[in-house]
Amino acid sequence: MNKKIIFVIIAILIIVGIVGIVCFGGKKNSDNNAKETNADQSTFSVKYKEVDITPGKEFSEEKIGEESNLSEIPSCAFNGVDKVYTYENFEIIVASVNGEDTVYSVYFDDDTMETPEGVKVTDTKDKMIEKYGTNYKQELGNKYIYTNNNVELSFIIESDVITAIEYTLITK
């Protein structure tokens, strides 16, 4: 199969997993509003074409200036539907929070995107630890999660190789 098709299938499975976790036992916001963030606090963020994409912050597709495929999925963490913007190398899930399009998660589809610290899909677990340290929690055996303020940065690792990277807004 074509690598791009495999990445799309993996991305879809991860989105379905996120929706499932949020709907059936993940961290859920009882009043359907994201926790407010302090703009002065640092948190995990992605920079793409000089645009900061930070879970919990407003999202503007126009700032990226690039075509995306847009789809919508029912939101379990918030009211209404979430928008899924799929770009060539990553996707962004956006939720309506207090009437504003807000980044809920960012998922890297391939090794052309990297974290600001220089970690990408196909890097090793050792590189992740070198850049982020050992202060992570481990779930499902192969998911390593770092938390910074209201954002989780997750790495999925198979045979000591990073196969997925995702930033997710923490909701309560």
Protein backbone atom coordinates (compact mmCIF):
# COMPACT_ATOMS: atom_id res chain seq x y z
CA MET A 1 0.00 0.00 0.00
CA ASN A 2 1.02 3.55 -0.55
CA LYS A 3 2.68 5.15 2.54
CA LYS A 4 0.30 8.11 2.40
CA ILE A 5 -2.74 5.80 2.51
CA ILE A 6 -1.26 4.00 5.53
CA PHE A 7 -0.69 7.33 7.31
CA VAL A 8 -4.27 8.42 6.55
CA ILE A 9 -5.63 5.13 7.92
CA ILE A 10 -3.50 5.50 11.07
CA ALA A 11 -4.66 9.12 11.47
CA ILE A 12 -8.30 8.10 11.18
CA LEU A 13 -7.81 5.34 13.75
CA ILE A 14 -6.18 7.79 16.15
CA ILE A 15 -9.03 10.29 15.71
CA VAL A 16 -11.56 7.54 16.38
CA GLY A 17 -9.52 6.55 19.44
CA ILE A 18 -9.43 10.12 20.73
CA VAL A 19 -13.18 10.46 20.28
CA GLY A 20 -13.67 7.13 22.06
CA ILE A 21 -11.42 8.08 24.96
CA VAL A 22 -13.07 11.46 25.37
CA CYS A 23 -16.59 9.98 25.11
CA PHE A 24 -16.10 6.83 27.14
CA GLY A 25 -13.85 7.57 30.05
CA GLY A 26 -11.26 10.11 29.04
CA LYS A 27 -10.89 13.45 30.68
CA LYS A 28 -14.19 15.20 30.17
CA ASN A 29 -15.15 18.73 30.98
CA SER A 30 -18.29 18.64 33.10
CA ASP A 31 -19.45 22.07 31.95
CA ASN A 32 -18.36 21.56 28.33
CA ASN A 33 -15.86 24.42 28.46
CA ALA A 34 -12.10 24.12 28.22
CA LYS A 35 -10.06 25.22 31.19
CA GLU A 36 -8.91 28.79 30.65
CA THR A 37 -5.20 29.20 30.07
CA ASN A 38 -2.90 31.97 31.12
CA ALA A 39 -1.27 33.46 28.02
CA ASP A 40 1.91 34.16 30.00
CA GLN A 41 2.42 30.49 30.91
CA SER A 42 4.50 28.40 28.58
CA THR A 43 2.97 25.20 27.29
CA PHE A 44 3.54 22.68 24.54
CA SER A 45 2.99 24.27 21.14
CA VAL A 46 3.65 23.57 17.46
CA LYS A 47 5.02 26.12 15.03
CA TYR A 48 4.16 25.71 11.35
CA LYS A 49 5.09 28.35 8.78
CA GLU A 50 5.69 30.84 11.60
CA VAL A 51 2.19 30.20 12.99
CA ASP A 52 1.88 28.98 16.59
CA ILE A 53 -0.65 26.17 16.91
CA THR A 54 -1.34 25.61 20.59
CA PRO A 55 -4.06 23.43 22.10
CA GLY A 56 -6.43 25.67 24.04
CA LYS A 57 -5.74 28.70 21.86
CA GLU A 58 -7.79 30.16 19.01
CA PHE A 59 -7.32 28.59 15.57
CA SER A 60 -7.39 30.51 12.31
CA GLU A 61 -7.04 28.47 9.13
CA GLU A 62 -6.29 31.64 7.17
CA LYS A 63 -3.05 32.21 9.12
CA ILE A 64 -1.66 28.91 7.84
CA GLY A 65 -2.44 29.96 4.26
CA GLU A 66 -2.59 26.44 2.87
CA GLU A 67 -5.37 24.21 1.55
CA SER A 68 -6.68 21.58 3.90
CA ASN A 69 -9.30 18.88 3.79
CA LEU A 70 -12.01 19.75 6.28
CA SER A 71 -14.28 17.20 7.90
CA GLU A 72 -16.50 17.32 10.96
CA ILE A 73 -17.02 14.78 13.73
CA PRO A 74 -19.39 14.84 16.71
CA SER A 75 -17.66 16.30 19.74
CA CYS A 76 -17.74 14.37 22.98
CA ALA A 77 -15.60 16.81 24.97
CA PHE A 78 -17.50 19.93 23.91
CA ASN A 79 -20.90 20.88 22.51
CA GLY A 80 -21.58 20.48 18.79
CA VAL A 81 -19.07 19.18 16.28
CA ASP A 82 -15.30 19.27 16.03
CA LYS A 83 -13.61 20.31 12.80
CA VAL A 84 -10.74 18.19 11.51
CA TYR A 85 -8.30 20.10 9.29
CA THR A 86 -6.08 17.66 7.43
CA TYR A 87 -2.94 19.07 5.86
CA GLU A 88 -0.24 17.18 3.97
CA ASN A 89 1.90 16.46 7.05
CA PHE A 90 -0.38 16.91 10.05
CA GLU A 91 -3.93 17.42 11.21
CA ILE A 92 -5.60 19.73 13.66
CA ILE A 93 -8.82 19.03 15.53
CA VAL A 94 -10.65 22.24 16.40
CA ALA A 95 -13.53 22.52 18.88
CA SER A 96 -15.92 25.37 19.52
CA VAL A 97 -15.14 26.67 23.00
CA ASN A 98 -17.13 29.67 24.20
CA GLY A 99 -18.08 30.34 20.56
CA GLU A 100 -14.45 30.42 19.40
CA ASP A 101 -12.63 27.89 17.20
CA THR A 102 -10.06 26.44 19.60
CA VAL A 103 -7.28 23.94 18.91
CA TYR A 104 -8.10 20.65 20.67
CA SER A 105 -5.29 18.50 19.24
CA VAL A 106 -2.49 18.39 16.68
CA TYR A 107 -1.35 15.08 15.20
CA PHE A 108 1.80 14.55 13.10
CA ASP A 109 1.17 12.28 10.09
CA ASP A 110 4.78 11.67 9.08
CA ASP A 111 8.44 12.46 9.75
CA THR A 112 8.44 15.82 7.95
CA MET A 113 6.99 17.56 11.04
CA GLU A 114 8.94 17.83 14.26
CA THR A 115 8.39 19.25 17.71
CA PRO A 116 10.10 22.55 18.56
CA GLU A 117 12.63 20.43 20.48
CA GLY A 118 13.51 18.55 17.28
CA VAL A 119 11.72 15.21 17.79
CA LYS A 120 9.82 13.61 14.90
CA VAL A 121 8.10 10.38 13.91
CA THR A 122 10.85 7.77 13.16
CA ASP A 123 13.13 9.12 15.93
CA THR A 124 14.06 6.82 18.80
CA LYS A 125 12.69 6.62 22.32
CA ASP A 126 16.17 7.63 23.50
CA LYS A 127 15.96 10.90 21.55
CA MET A 128 12.54 11.61 23.09
CA ILE A 129 13.99 11.07 26.58
CA GLU A 130 17.06 13.16 25.71
CA LYS A 131 14.86 16.09 24.69
CA TYR A 132 11.98 15.76 27.19
CA GLY A 133 13.40 13.78 30.11
CA THR A 134 11.94 10.90 32.09
CA ASN A 135 9.07 12.79 33.71
CA TYR A 136 6.39 11.07 31.60
CA LYS A 137 3.50 8.80 32.37
CA GLN A 138 3.14 5.62 30.40
CA GLU A 139 -0.22 4.26 29.22
CA LEU A 140 -1.21 1.21 27.19
CA GLY A 141 2.39 0.02 27.33
CA ASN A 142 3.62 2.14 24.42
CA LYS A 143 2.15 5.64 24.92
CA TYR A 144 4.44 8.13 26.68
CA ILE A 145 2.77 11.34 27.86
CA TYR A 146 4.41 14.58 28.98
CA THR A 147 2.23 17.28 30.54
CA ASN A 148 2.88 21.01 30.47
CA ASN A 149 0.16 23.23 31.94
CA ASN A 150 -3.03 22.24 30.09
CA VAL A 151 -1.46 20.32 27.18
CA GLU A 152 -0.36 16.70 26.88
CA LEU A 153 2.35 15.75 24.40
CA SER A 154 2.06 12.05 23.56
CA PHE A 155 4.48 9.76 21.77
CA ILE A 156 3.48 6.29 20.56
CA ILE A 157 6.53 4.03 20.45
CA GLU A 158 6.85 0.67 18.71
CA SER A 159 10.17 -1.24 18.97
CA ASP A 160 11.89 1.88 20.40
CA VAL A 161 10.83 4.01 17.39
CA ILE A 162 8.33 6.88 17.57
CA THR A 163 5.36 6.09 15.30
CA ALA A 164 3.02 8.96 16.28
CA ILE A 165 3.15 12.34 18.01
CA GLU A 166 0.13 14.26 19.29
CA TYR A 167 -0.52 17.41 21.29
CA THR A 168 -3.88 17.40 23.13
CA LEU A 169 -5.71 19.95 25.27
CA ILE A 170 -6.44 18.65 28.75
CA THR A 171 -10.08 19.11 29.69
CA LYS A 172 -11.60 18.43 33.09
